[in-house]
Amino acid sequence: TPGGSAGGGVVGTTDCSAFTLCDDFEGAAPGAAMSPWKITMAGSYKVEVVTTTVHSGTHALHISAPSATGNGYIQTTTGFPATDFWGRAYVHIKSAAGGHQCFMALNSSSDQVRLLNEMGSGEYATNLKSNDKLNDSKTKVPQDTWFCYEWHQSPTALHVYADGKEITDARDRPRRGGVR
């Protein structure tokens, strides 16, 4: 959001009119003409809007990863010019047993901020692709249930929250020198 937080670690319903991007997947499906999302899939991964296993409303985005290799994701069609912003997603994860899974990431021209990783240990983790230094939280990612995941990305740090509580061990520590 411009100049504020999506909730500052507060779970709740939000009026979408104040946000740069807000989508409940009840309208145009990702990839459709009026959607703010494009879809990328490789391998046997699948990205689709479903009417089963929804958080609220009647639709949810579903990404399935039936094999160990490939990818499936949605990406905004316009991007974000902001360097300091909040994001929120309601997430329902059923992780594979073991292996690295990147559930959410922010891409820039120079790096990738991995907002929500699960490294086979079942714990929240974040990292930058460029240095691959893992910030492992030692806090388990909820499985097979909905939870609210929020992030605040500033030019110097990343803070993440699950159901309104900051996961301090998973945050990306501030660096001298500023912007990533």
N, C-alpha and C. Protein backbone atom coordinates (compact mmCIF):
# COMPACT_ATOMS: atom_id res chain seq x y z
N THR A 1 0.84 -1.18 0.00
CA THR A 1 0.00 0.00 0.00
C THR A 1 0.88 1.23 0.00
N PRO A 2 0.39 2.31 -0.56
CA PRO A 2 1.18 3.52 -0.55
C PRO A 2 1.22 4.13 0.84
N GLY A 3 2.42 4.27 1.40
CA GLY A 3 2.60 4.97 2.66
C GLY A 3 2.02 4.32 3.89
N GLY A 4 1.74 3.03 3.88
CA GLY A 4 1.18 2.41 5.07
C GLY A 4 1.29 0.92 5.03
N SER A 5 0.55 0.27 5.90
CA SER A 5 0.64 -1.18 5.97
C SER A 5 -0.64 -1.82 5.51
N ALA A 6 -0.51 -3.06 5.09
CA ALA A 6 -1.67 -3.85 4.73
C ALA A 6 -2.36 -4.35 5.98
N GLY A 7 -1.79 -4.14 7.09
CA GLY A 7 -2.38 -4.59 8.32
C GLY A 7 -1.40 -4.52 9.45
N GLY A 8 -0.13 -4.35 9.16
CA GLY A 8 0.87 -4.24 10.21
C GLY A 8 0.85 -5.42 11.14
N GLY A 9 0.58 -6.59 10.59
CA GLY A 9 0.49 -7.76 11.41
C GLY A 9 -0.90 -7.96 11.97
N VAL A 10 -1.90 -7.33 11.38
CA VAL A 10 -3.27 -7.46 11.85
C VAL A 10 -4.08 -8.19 10.80
N VAL A 11 -4.68 -9.31 11.19
CA VAL A 11 -5.49 -10.10 10.28
C VAL A 11 -6.88 -9.48 10.22
N GLY A 12 -7.45 -9.37 9.02
CA GLY A 12 -8.81 -8.84 8.92
C GLY A 12 -9.20 -8.58 7.48
N THR A 13 -10.45 -8.20 7.28
CA THR A 13 -10.97 -7.89 5.97
C THR A 13 -10.57 -6.47 5.61
N THR A 14 -10.27 -6.25 4.35
CA THR A 14 -9.80 -4.95 3.91
C THR A 14 -10.62 -4.45 2.73
N ASP A 15 -10.90 -3.15 2.71
CA ASP A 15 -11.51 -2.50 1.57
C ASP A 15 -10.42 -2.34 0.52
N CYS A 16 -10.58 -2.97 -0.62
CA CYS A 16 -9.54 -2.99 -1.65
C CYS A 16 -9.30 -1.65 -2.33
N SER A 17 -10.17 -0.69 -2.18
CA SER A 17 -10.04 0.56 -2.93
C SER A 17 -8.76 1.33 -2.63
N ALA A 18 -8.16 1.13 -1.48
CA ALA A 18 -6.96 1.88 -1.10
C ALA A 18 -5.66 1.21 -1.55
N PHE A 19 -5.73 0.03 -2.15
CA PHE A 19 -4.53 -0.74 -2.44
C PHE A 19 -4.18 -0.74 -3.92
N THR A 20 -2.89 -0.82 -4.21
CA THR A 20 -2.39 -0.88 -5.58
C THR A 20 -2.88 -2.15 -6.27
N LEU A 21 -2.87 -3.26 -5.55
CA LEU A 21 -3.33 -4.53 -6.09
C LEU A 21 -4.05 -5.29 -4.98
N CYS A 22 -5.26 -5.72 -5.27
CA CYS A 22 -6.05 -6.48 -4.30
C CYS A 22 -6.94 -7.41 -5.12
N ASP A 23 -6.82 -8.72 -4.92
CA ASP A 23 -7.56 -9.67 -5.73
C ASP A 23 -8.01 -10.85 -4.88
N ASP A 24 -9.29 -11.18 -4.97
CA ASP A 24 -9.82 -12.33 -4.24
C ASP A 24 -10.12 -13.49 -5.18
N PHE A 25 -9.76 -13.35 -6.45
CA PHE A 25 -9.93 -14.36 -7.49
C PHE A 25 -11.39 -14.70 -7.76
N GLU A 26 -12.28 -13.78 -7.40
CA GLU A 26 -13.71 -13.95 -7.70
C GLU A 26 -14.04 -13.40 -9.09
N GLY A 27 -13.17 -12.55 -9.64
CA GLY A 27 -13.40 -11.95 -10.95
C GLY A 27 -12.65 -12.69 -12.03
N ALA A 28 -11.98 -11.92 -12.88
CA ALA A 28 -11.23 -12.50 -14.00
C ALA A 28 -10.12 -13.42 -13.48
N ALA A 29 -10.05 -14.61 -14.01
CA ALA A 29 -9.02 -15.57 -13.61
C ALA A 29 -7.65 -15.12 -14.10
N PRO A 30 -6.58 -15.45 -13.38
CA PRO A 30 -5.23 -15.12 -13.85
C PRO A 30 -5.03 -15.58 -15.29
N GLY A 31 -4.45 -14.70 -16.08
CA GLY A 31 -4.22 -15.00 -17.49
C GLY A 31 -5.32 -14.45 -18.40
N ALA A 32 -6.51 -14.16 -17.83
CA ALA A 32 -7.61 -13.61 -18.62
C ALA A 32 -7.35 -12.14 -18.93
N ALA A 33 -8.03 -11.60 -19.90
CA ALA A 33 -7.80 -10.23 -20.38
C ALA A 33 -7.88 -9.18 -19.28
N MET A 34 -8.81 -9.25 -18.37
CA MET A 34 -8.99 -8.21 -17.35
C MET A 34 -8.27 -8.53 -16.04
N SER A 35 -7.52 -9.60 -15.98
CA SER A 35 -6.82 -9.99 -14.76
C SER A 35 -5.52 -9.21 -14.59
N PRO A 36 -5.15 -8.88 -13.35
CA PRO A 36 -3.86 -8.23 -13.11
C PRO A 36 -2.70 -9.23 -13.07
N TRP A 37 -2.95 -10.49 -13.41
CA TRP A 37 -1.94 -11.54 -13.29
C TRP A 37 -1.69 -12.25 -14.60
N LYS A 38 -0.44 -12.66 -14.80
CA LYS A 38 -0.13 -13.61 -15.88
C LYS A 38 0.34 -14.89 -15.20
N ILE A 39 0.20 -16.00 -15.90
CA ILE A 39 0.54 -17.31 -15.36
C ILE A 39 1.79 -17.85 -16.04
N THR A 40 2.66 -18.47 -15.24
CA THR A 40 3.81 -19.19 -15.77
C THR A 40 3.78 -20.60 -15.19
N MET A 41 3.94 -21.59 -16.07
CA MET A 41 3.97 -22.99 -15.63
C MET A 41 5.06 -23.73 -16.40
N ALA A 42 5.74 -24.64 -15.71
CA ALA A 42 6.74 -25.49 -16.34
C ALA A 42 6.70 -26.86 -15.67
N GLY A 43 7.06 -27.87 -16.40
CA GLY A 43 6.97 -29.22 -15.86
C GLY A 43 5.51 -29.60 -15.71
N SER A 44 5.19 -30.36 -14.70
CA SER A 44 3.80 -30.79 -14.50
C SER A 44 3.04 -29.91 -13.51
N TYR A 45 3.61 -28.76 -13.16
CA TYR A 45 2.93 -27.84 -12.24
C TYR A 45 1.66 -27.30 -12.89
N LYS A 46 0.69 -26.97 -12.06
CA LYS A 46 -0.58 -26.47 -12.57
C LYS A 46 -1.01 -25.25 -11.75
N VAL A 47 -1.46 -24.19 -12.42
CA VAL A 47 -1.97 -22.98 -11.80
C VAL A 47 -3.39 -22.79 -12.29
N GLU A 48 -4.34 -22.72 -11.34
CA GLU A 48 -5.74 -22.58 -11.73
C GLU A 48 -6.55 -21.96 -10.60
N VAL A 49 -7.72 -21.44 -10.94
CA VAL A 49 -8.66 -20.96 -9.94
C VAL A 49 -9.64 -22.09 -9.69
N VAL A 50 -9.87 -22.40 -8.41
CA VAL A 50 -10.74 -23.51 -8.03
C VAL A 50 -11.88 -23.01 -7.14
N THR A 51 -12.90 -23.86 -7.00
CA THR A 51 -14.02 -23.55 -6.10
C THR A 51 -14.03 -24.46 -4.89
N THR A 52 -13.00 -25.28 -4.75
CA THR A 52 -12.85 -26.12 -3.56
C THR A 52 -11.70 -25.56 -2.73
N THR A 53 -11.66 -25.83 -1.48
CA THR A 53 -10.61 -25.34 -0.57
C THR A 53 -10.41 -23.84 -0.74
N VAL A 54 -11.44 -23.07 -0.38
CA VAL A 54 -11.38 -21.62 -0.47
C VAL A 54 -11.33 -21.02 0.93
N HIS A 55 -10.69 -19.86 1.05
CA HIS A 55 -10.62 -19.17 2.34
C HIS A 55 -11.92 -18.44 2.63
N SER A 56 -12.38 -17.68 1.67
CA SER A 56 -13.66 -16.96 1.78
C SER A 56 -14.16 -16.77 0.36
N GLY A 57 -15.39 -16.39 0.20
CA GLY A 57 -15.95 -16.29 -1.15
C GLY A 57 -16.13 -17.66 -1.75
N THR A 58 -16.01 -17.73 -3.08
CA THR A 58 -16.26 -18.99 -3.77
C THR A 58 -15.08 -19.49 -4.60
N HIS A 59 -14.00 -18.68 -4.70
CA HIS A 59 -12.87 -19.05 -5.53
C HIS A 59 -11.54 -18.85 -4.80
N ALA A 60 -10.54 -19.60 -5.22
CA ALA A 60 -9.17 -19.44 -4.69
C ALA A 60 -8.19 -19.85 -5.78
N LEU A 61 -7.01 -19.26 -5.74
CA LEU A 61 -5.95 -19.67 -6.64
C LEU A 61 -5.34 -20.96 -6.09
N HIS A 62 -5.11 -21.92 -6.94
CA HIS A 62 -4.53 -23.20 -6.53
C HIS A 62 -3.32 -23.49 -7.41
N ILE A 63 -2.20 -23.75 -6.77
CA ILE A 63 -0.99 -24.12 -7.50
C ILE A 63 -0.57 -25.49 -7.00
N SER A 64 -0.51 -26.45 -7.91
CA SER A 64 -0.11 -27.80 -7.50
C SER A 64 1.25 -28.12 -8.10
N ALA A 65 2.04 -28.82 -7.30
CA ALA A 65 3.40 -29.19 -7.68
C ALA A 65 3.53 -30.70 -7.53
N PRO A 66 3.08 -31.45 -8.52
CA PRO A 66 3.08 -32.91 -8.40
C PRO A 66 4.44 -33.57 -8.57
N SER A 67 5.44 -32.81 -8.99
CA SER A 67 6.77 -33.40 -9.17
C SER A 67 7.81 -32.51 -8.50
N ALA A 68 9.02 -33.02 -8.41
CA ALA A 68 10.10 -32.30 -7.74
C ALA A 68 10.72 -31.21 -8.60
N THR A 69 10.46 -31.23 -9.90
CA THR A 69 11.03 -30.21 -10.77
C THR A 69 9.93 -29.47 -11.51
N GLY A 70 10.16 -28.20 -11.76
CA GLY A 70 9.21 -27.36 -12.46
C GLY A 70 8.88 -26.14 -11.64
N ASN A 71 7.87 -25.41 -12.08
CA ASN A 71 7.39 -24.27 -11.33
C ASN A 71 6.01 -23.88 -11.81
N GLY A 72 5.33 -23.15 -10.99
CA GLY A 72 4.03 -22.60 -11.34
C GLY A 72 3.80 -21.38 -10.48
N TYR A 73 3.48 -20.25 -11.12
CA TYR A 73 3.27 -19.04 -10.34
C TYR A 73 2.47 -18.02 -11.13
N ILE A 74 1.97 -17.02 -10.39
CA ILE A 74 1.35 -15.88 -11.02
C ILE A 74 2.26 -14.68 -10.78
N GLN A 75 2.21 -13.74 -11.70
CA GLN A 75 3.05 -12.55 -11.62
C GLN A 75 2.21 -11.37 -12.09
N THR A 76 2.35 -10.22 -11.42
CA THR A 76 1.56 -9.06 -11.82
C THR A 76 1.91 -8.65 -13.25
N THR A 77 0.93 -8.12 -13.94
CA THR A 77 1.15 -7.67 -15.31
C THR A 77 1.72 -6.26 -15.35
N THR A 78 1.66 -5.53 -14.23
CA THR A 78 2.14 -4.15 -14.23
C THR A 78 3.33 -3.92 -13.30
N GLY A 79 3.54 -4.77 -12.32
CA GLY A 79 4.64 -4.59 -11.38
C GLY A 79 4.34 -3.52 -10.34
N PHE A 80 5.29 -3.29 -9.45
CA PHE A 80 5.14 -2.31 -8.38
C PHE A 80 6.29 -1.32 -8.42
N PRO A 81 6.00 -0.03 -8.51
CA PRO A 81 7.08 0.95 -8.48
C PRO A 81 7.58 1.23 -7.06
N ALA A 82 6.85 0.79 -6.06
CA ALA A 82 7.18 1.11 -4.67
C ALA A 82 8.44 0.41 -4.20
N THR A 83 9.17 1.04 -3.29
CA THR A 83 10.33 0.42 -2.67
C THR A 83 10.06 0.10 -1.21
N ASP A 84 8.89 0.47 -0.72
CA ASP A 84 8.50 0.21 0.65
C ASP A 84 7.01 -0.12 0.63
N PHE A 85 6.68 -1.39 0.83
CA PHE A 85 5.27 -1.77 0.74
C PHE A 85 4.95 -2.99 1.59
N TRP A 86 3.66 -3.17 1.80
CA TRP A 86 3.11 -4.31 2.54
C TRP A 86 2.35 -5.21 1.58
N GLY A 87 2.31 -6.49 1.90
CA GLY A 87 1.50 -7.43 1.15
C GLY A 87 0.84 -8.41 2.10
N ARG A 88 -0.26 -8.99 1.66
CA ARG A 88 -0.98 -9.97 2.47
C ARG A 88 -1.60 -11.03 1.56
N ALA A 89 -1.51 -12.27 1.98
CA ALA A 89 -2.16 -13.37 1.27
C ALA A 89 -2.67 -14.38 2.29
N TYR A 90 -3.83 -14.93 2.02
CA TYR A 90 -4.31 -16.05 2.82
C TYR A 90 -3.84 -17.31 2.11
N VAL A 91 -3.13 -18.16 2.84
CA VAL A 91 -2.40 -19.28 2.25
C VAL A 91 -2.85 -20.59 2.89
N HIS A 92 -2.93 -21.61 2.07
CA HIS A 92 -3.25 -22.98 2.51
C HIS A 92 -2.20 -23.88 1.89
N ILE A 93 -1.29 -24.41 2.70
CA ILE A 93 -0.14 -25.15 2.19
C ILE A 93 -0.23 -26.62 2.59
N LYS A 94 0.08 -27.44 1.64
CA LYS A 94 0.27 -28.86 1.89
C LYS A 94 1.62 -29.20 1.27
N SER A 95 2.68 -29.11 2.09
CA SER A 95 4.05 -29.28 1.59
C SER A 95 4.38 -30.72 1.29
N ALA A 96 5.31 -30.85 0.38
CA ALA A 96 5.89 -32.17 0.11
C ALA A 96 6.80 -32.53 1.27
N ALA A 97 7.05 -33.79 1.44
CA ALA A 97 7.95 -34.24 2.51
C ALA A 97 9.38 -34.02 2.05
N GLY A 98 10.00 -32.96 2.52
CA GLY A 98 11.38 -32.67 2.18
C GLY A 98 11.52 -31.79 0.96
N GLY A 99 12.72 -31.31 0.75
CA GLY A 99 13.00 -30.47 -0.41
C GLY A 99 12.74 -29.01 -0.18
N HIS A 100 13.21 -28.19 -1.09
CA HIS A 100 13.05 -26.74 -1.02
C HIS A 100 11.81 -26.31 -1.78
N GLN A 101 10.96 -25.53 -1.14
CA GLN A 101 9.77 -25.00 -1.78
C GLN A 101 9.72 -23.49 -1.57
N CYS A 102 9.66 -22.74 -2.63
CA CYS A 102 9.51 -21.29 -2.55
C CYS A 102 8.05 -20.98 -2.89
N PHE A 103 7.28 -20.55 -1.91
CA PHE A 103 5.86 -20.29 -2.10
C PHE A 103 5.57 -18.87 -2.55
N MET A 104 6.37 -17.90 -2.12
CA MET A 104 6.18 -16.50 -2.51
C MET A 104 7.53 -15.82 -2.70
N ALA A 105 7.60 -14.98 -3.73
CA ALA A 105 8.85 -14.24 -3.98
C ALA A 105 8.52 -12.91 -4.64
N LEU A 106 9.42 -11.96 -4.44
CA LEU A 106 9.35 -10.66 -5.10
C LEU A 106 10.56 -10.57 -6.02
N ASN A 107 10.32 -10.27 -7.29
CA ASN A 107 11.41 -10.15 -8.25
C ASN A 107 11.66 -8.69 -8.56
N SER A 108 12.93 -8.33 -8.61
CA SER A 108 13.33 -7.00 -9.05
C SER A 108 14.31 -7.18 -10.20
N SER A 109 14.79 -6.09 -10.74
CA SER A 109 15.73 -6.21 -11.84
C SER A 109 17.08 -6.78 -11.38
N SER A 110 17.35 -6.69 -10.07
CA SER A 110 18.67 -7.11 -9.59
C SER A 110 18.66 -8.33 -8.65
N ASP A 111 17.49 -8.74 -8.15
CA ASP A 111 17.48 -9.84 -7.18
C ASP A 111 16.08 -10.43 -7.04
N GLN A 112 15.99 -11.46 -6.24
CA GLN A 112 14.71 -12.05 -5.87
C GLN A 112 14.67 -12.16 -4.35
N VAL A 113 13.62 -11.60 -3.74
CA VAL A 113 13.40 -11.73 -2.31
C VAL A 113 12.42 -12.87 -2.12
N ARG A 114 12.87 -13.93 -1.49
CA ARG A 114 12.01 -15.09 -1.26
C ARG A 114 11.29 -14.88 0.07
N LEU A 115 10.02 -14.53 -0.03
CA LEU A 115 9.20 -14.15 1.12
C LEU A 115 8.79 -15.33 1.98
N LEU A 116 8.50 -16.44 1.34
CA LEU A 116 8.00 -17.61 2.07
C LEU A 116 8.62 -18.85 1.45
N ASN A 117 9.61 -19.36 2.13
CA ASN A 117 10.29 -20.60 1.75
C ASN A 117 9.97 -21.67 2.78
N GLU A 118 10.09 -22.89 2.36
CA GLU A 118 10.03 -24.02 3.29
C GLU A 118 11.13 -24.95 2.80
N MET A 119 12.11 -25.17 3.64
CA MET A 119 13.34 -25.83 3.21
C MET A 119 13.39 -27.33 3.53
N GLY A 120 12.25 -27.97 3.63
CA GLY A 120 12.23 -29.39 3.95
C GLY A 120 12.10 -29.65 5.43
N SER A 121 12.36 -28.63 6.24
CA SER A 121 12.24 -28.76 7.69
C SER A 121 10.83 -28.44 8.16
N GLY A 122 10.01 -27.88 7.24
CA GLY A 122 8.64 -27.50 7.60
C GLY A 122 8.56 -26.16 8.30
N GLU A 123 9.64 -25.37 8.29
CA GLU A 123 9.68 -24.10 9.00
C GLU A 123 9.69 -22.92 8.04
N TYR A 124 9.12 -21.79 8.49
CA TYR A 124 9.17 -20.56 7.70
C TYR A 124 10.63 -20.17 7.48
N ALA A 125 10.93 -19.71 6.28
CA ALA A 125 12.27 -19.20 5.98
C ALA A 125 12.15 -18.13 4.91
N THR A 126 13.09 -17.18 4.93
CA THR A 126 13.20 -16.16 3.89
C THR A 126 14.65 -16.08 3.46
N ASN A 127 14.88 -15.52 2.28
CA ASN A 127 16.25 -15.27 1.84
C ASN A 127 16.27 -14.47 0.56
N LEU A 128 17.44 -13.96 0.24
CA LEU A 128 17.70 -13.33 -1.05
C LEU A 128 18.31 -14.37 -1.97
N LYS A 129 17.89 -14.38 -3.21
CA LYS A 129 18.45 -15.33 -4.16
C LYS A 129 19.96 -15.08 -4.36
N SER A 130 20.37 -13.81 -4.39
CA SER A 130 21.75 -13.47 -4.70
C SER A 130 22.77 -14.04 -3.72
N ASN A 131 22.43 -14.06 -2.43
CA ASN A 131 23.41 -14.60 -1.47
C ASN A 131 22.96 -15.93 -0.90
N ASP A 132 21.72 -16.28 -1.10
CA ASP A 132 21.13 -17.55 -0.66
C ASP A 132 21.33 -17.83 0.83
N LYS A 133 21.60 -16.77 1.62
CA LYS A 133 21.71 -16.91 3.08
C LYS A 133 20.31 -17.08 3.65
N LEU A 134 20.07 -18.21 4.24
CA LEU A 134 18.75 -18.57 4.73
C LEU A 134 18.48 -17.95 6.11
N ASN A 135 17.30 -17.37 6.25
CA ASN A 135 16.81 -16.89 7.55
C ASN A 135 15.72 -17.88 7.99
N ASP A 136 16.11 -18.92 8.68
CA ASP A 136 15.20 -19.99 9.10
C ASP A 136 14.62 -19.64 10.46
N SER A 137 13.31 -19.73 10.58
CA SER A 137 12.62 -19.24 11.78
C SER A 137 12.54 -20.24 12.92
N LYS A 138 12.67 -21.50 12.66
CA LYS A 138 12.43 -22.56 13.65
C LYS A 138 10.95 -22.62 14.06
N THR A 139 10.09 -21.93 13.30
CA THR A 139 8.64 -21.94 13.53
C THR A 139 7.99 -22.70 12.38
N LYS A 140 7.17 -23.68 12.69
CA LYS A 140 6.56 -24.53 11.67
C LYS A 140 5.50 -23.79 10.85
N VAL A 141 5.51 -24.04 9.54
CA VAL A 141 4.48 -23.54 8.63
C VAL A 141 3.23 -24.38 8.86
N PRO A 142 2.07 -23.75 9.12
CA PRO A 142 0.83 -24.53 9.29
C PRO A 142 0.55 -25.37 8.04
N GLN A 143 0.13 -26.58 8.23
CA GLN A 143 -0.16 -27.47 7.12
C GLN A 143 -1.65 -27.76 7.01
N ASP A 144 -2.13 -27.74 5.77
CA ASP A 144 -3.50 -28.13 5.46
C ASP A 144 -4.55 -27.31 6.20
N THR A 145 -4.24 -26.02 6.43
CA THR A 145 -5.18 -25.09 7.04
C THR A 145 -4.88 -23.69 6.52
N TRP A 146 -5.86 -22.81 6.50
CA TRP A 146 -5.65 -21.44 6.04
C TRP A 146 -4.96 -20.62 7.12
N PHE A 147 -4.03 -19.75 6.70
CA PHE A 147 -3.43 -18.76 7.61
C PHE A 147 -3.15 -17.50 6.82
N CYS A 148 -3.04 -16.38 7.53
CA CYS A 148 -2.76 -15.10 6.91
C CYS A 148 -1.26 -14.87 6.95
N TYR A 149 -0.66 -14.60 5.79
CA TYR A 149 0.77 -14.33 5.69
C TYR A 149 0.94 -12.91 5.18
N GLU A 150 1.69 -12.09 5.92
CA GLU A 150 1.92 -10.70 5.54
C GLU A 150 3.41 -10.43 5.49
N TRP A 151 3.78 -9.42 4.69
CA TRP A 151 5.17 -9.04 4.61
C TRP A 151 5.27 -7.53 4.47
N HIS A 152 6.35 -7.00 5.00
CA HIS A 152 6.69 -5.59 4.83
C HIS A 152 8.10 -5.55 4.26
N GLN A 153 8.21 -5.11 3.02
CA GLN A 153 9.50 -5.00 2.35
C GLN A 153 9.86 -3.52 2.29
N SER A 154 10.93 -3.15 2.95
CA SER A 154 11.45 -1.79 2.87
C SER A 154 12.74 -1.83 2.07
N PRO A 155 13.35 -0.69 1.79
CA PRO A 155 14.61 -0.72 1.05
C PRO A 155 15.74 -1.46 1.78
N THR A 156 15.62 -1.65 3.10
CA THR A 156 16.72 -2.26 3.84
C THR A 156 16.36 -3.52 4.62
N ALA A 157 15.09 -3.89 4.68
CA ALA A 157 14.73 -5.05 5.51
C ALA A 157 13.41 -5.68 5.06
N LEU A 158 13.24 -6.93 5.42
CA LEU A 158 12.00 -7.67 5.19
C LEU A 158 11.50 -8.17 6.54
N HIS A 159 10.22 -7.91 6.84
CA HIS A 159 9.57 -8.43 8.03
C HIS A 159 8.38 -9.26 7.58
N VAL A 160 8.19 -10.43 8.19
CA VAL A 160 7.08 -11.31 7.82
C VAL A 160 6.24 -11.64 9.06
N TYR A 161 4.95 -11.91 8.81
CA TYR A 161 3.99 -12.16 9.88
C TYR A 161 3.10 -13.33 9.49
N ALA A 162 2.74 -14.16 10.45
CA ALA A 162 1.76 -15.23 10.25
C ALA A 162 0.66 -15.04 11.27
N ASP A 163 -0.56 -14.93 10.77
CA ASP A 163 -1.73 -14.70 11.62
C ASP A 163 -1.50 -13.57 12.62
N GLY A 164 -0.89 -12.48 12.14
CA GLY A 164 -0.72 -11.28 12.93
C GLY A 164 0.49 -11.24 13.83
N LYS A 165 1.27 -12.31 13.89
CA LYS A 165 2.45 -12.35 14.76
C LYS A 165 3.72 -12.34 13.92
N GLU A 166 4.64 -11.42 14.24
CA GLU A 166 5.89 -11.35 13.48
C GLU A 166 6.74 -12.60 13.72
N ILE A 167 7.26 -13.13 12.64
CA ILE A 167 8.17 -14.27 12.70
C ILE A 167 9.57 -13.67 12.65
N THR A 168 10.09 -13.28 13.79
CA THR A 168 11.31 -12.48 13.85
C THR A 168 12.55 -13.22 13.34
N ASP A 169 12.65 -14.51 13.55
CA ASP A 169 13.83 -15.23 13.08
C ASP A 169 13.87 -15.39 11.56
N ALA A 170 12.73 -15.20 10.90
CA ALA A 170 12.70 -15.33 9.43
C ALA A 170 12.92 -14.00 8.73
N ARG A 171 12.95 -12.91 9.47
CA ARG A 171 13.09 -11.61 8.81
C ARG A 171 14.50 -11.45 8.26
N ASP A 172 14.58 -10.70 7.20
CA ASP A 172 15.87 -10.40 6.59
C ASP A 172 16.43 -9.20 7.34
N ARG A 173 17.58 -9.37 7.95
CA ARG A 173 18.18 -8.32 8.77
C ARG A 173 18.62 -7.13 7.93
N PRO A 174 18.49 -5.93 8.47
CA PRO A 174 18.94 -4.74 7.74
C PRO A 174 20.43 -4.80 7.42
N ARG A 175 20.81 -4.24 6.30
CA ARG A 175 22.20 -4.21 5.87
C ARG A 175 22.67 -2.77 5.79
N ARG A 176 23.93 -2.58 6.08
CA ARG A 176 24.49 -1.24 5.86
C ARG A 176 24.53 -1.00 4.36
N GLY A 177 24.28 0.22 3.98
CA GLY A 177 24.38 0.55 2.57
C GLY A 177 23.04 0.66 1.89
N GLY A 178 21.97 0.22 2.54
CA GLY A 178 20.64 0.53 2.03
C GLY A 178 20.04 -0.47 1.07
N VAL A 179 19.53 0.05 -0.02
CA VAL A 179 18.65 -0.68 -0.94
C VAL A 179 19.31 -1.92 -1.49
N ARG A 180 18.53 -2.94 -1.61
CA ARG A 180 18.99 -4.19 -2.20
C ARG A 180 19.16 -4.02 -3.68
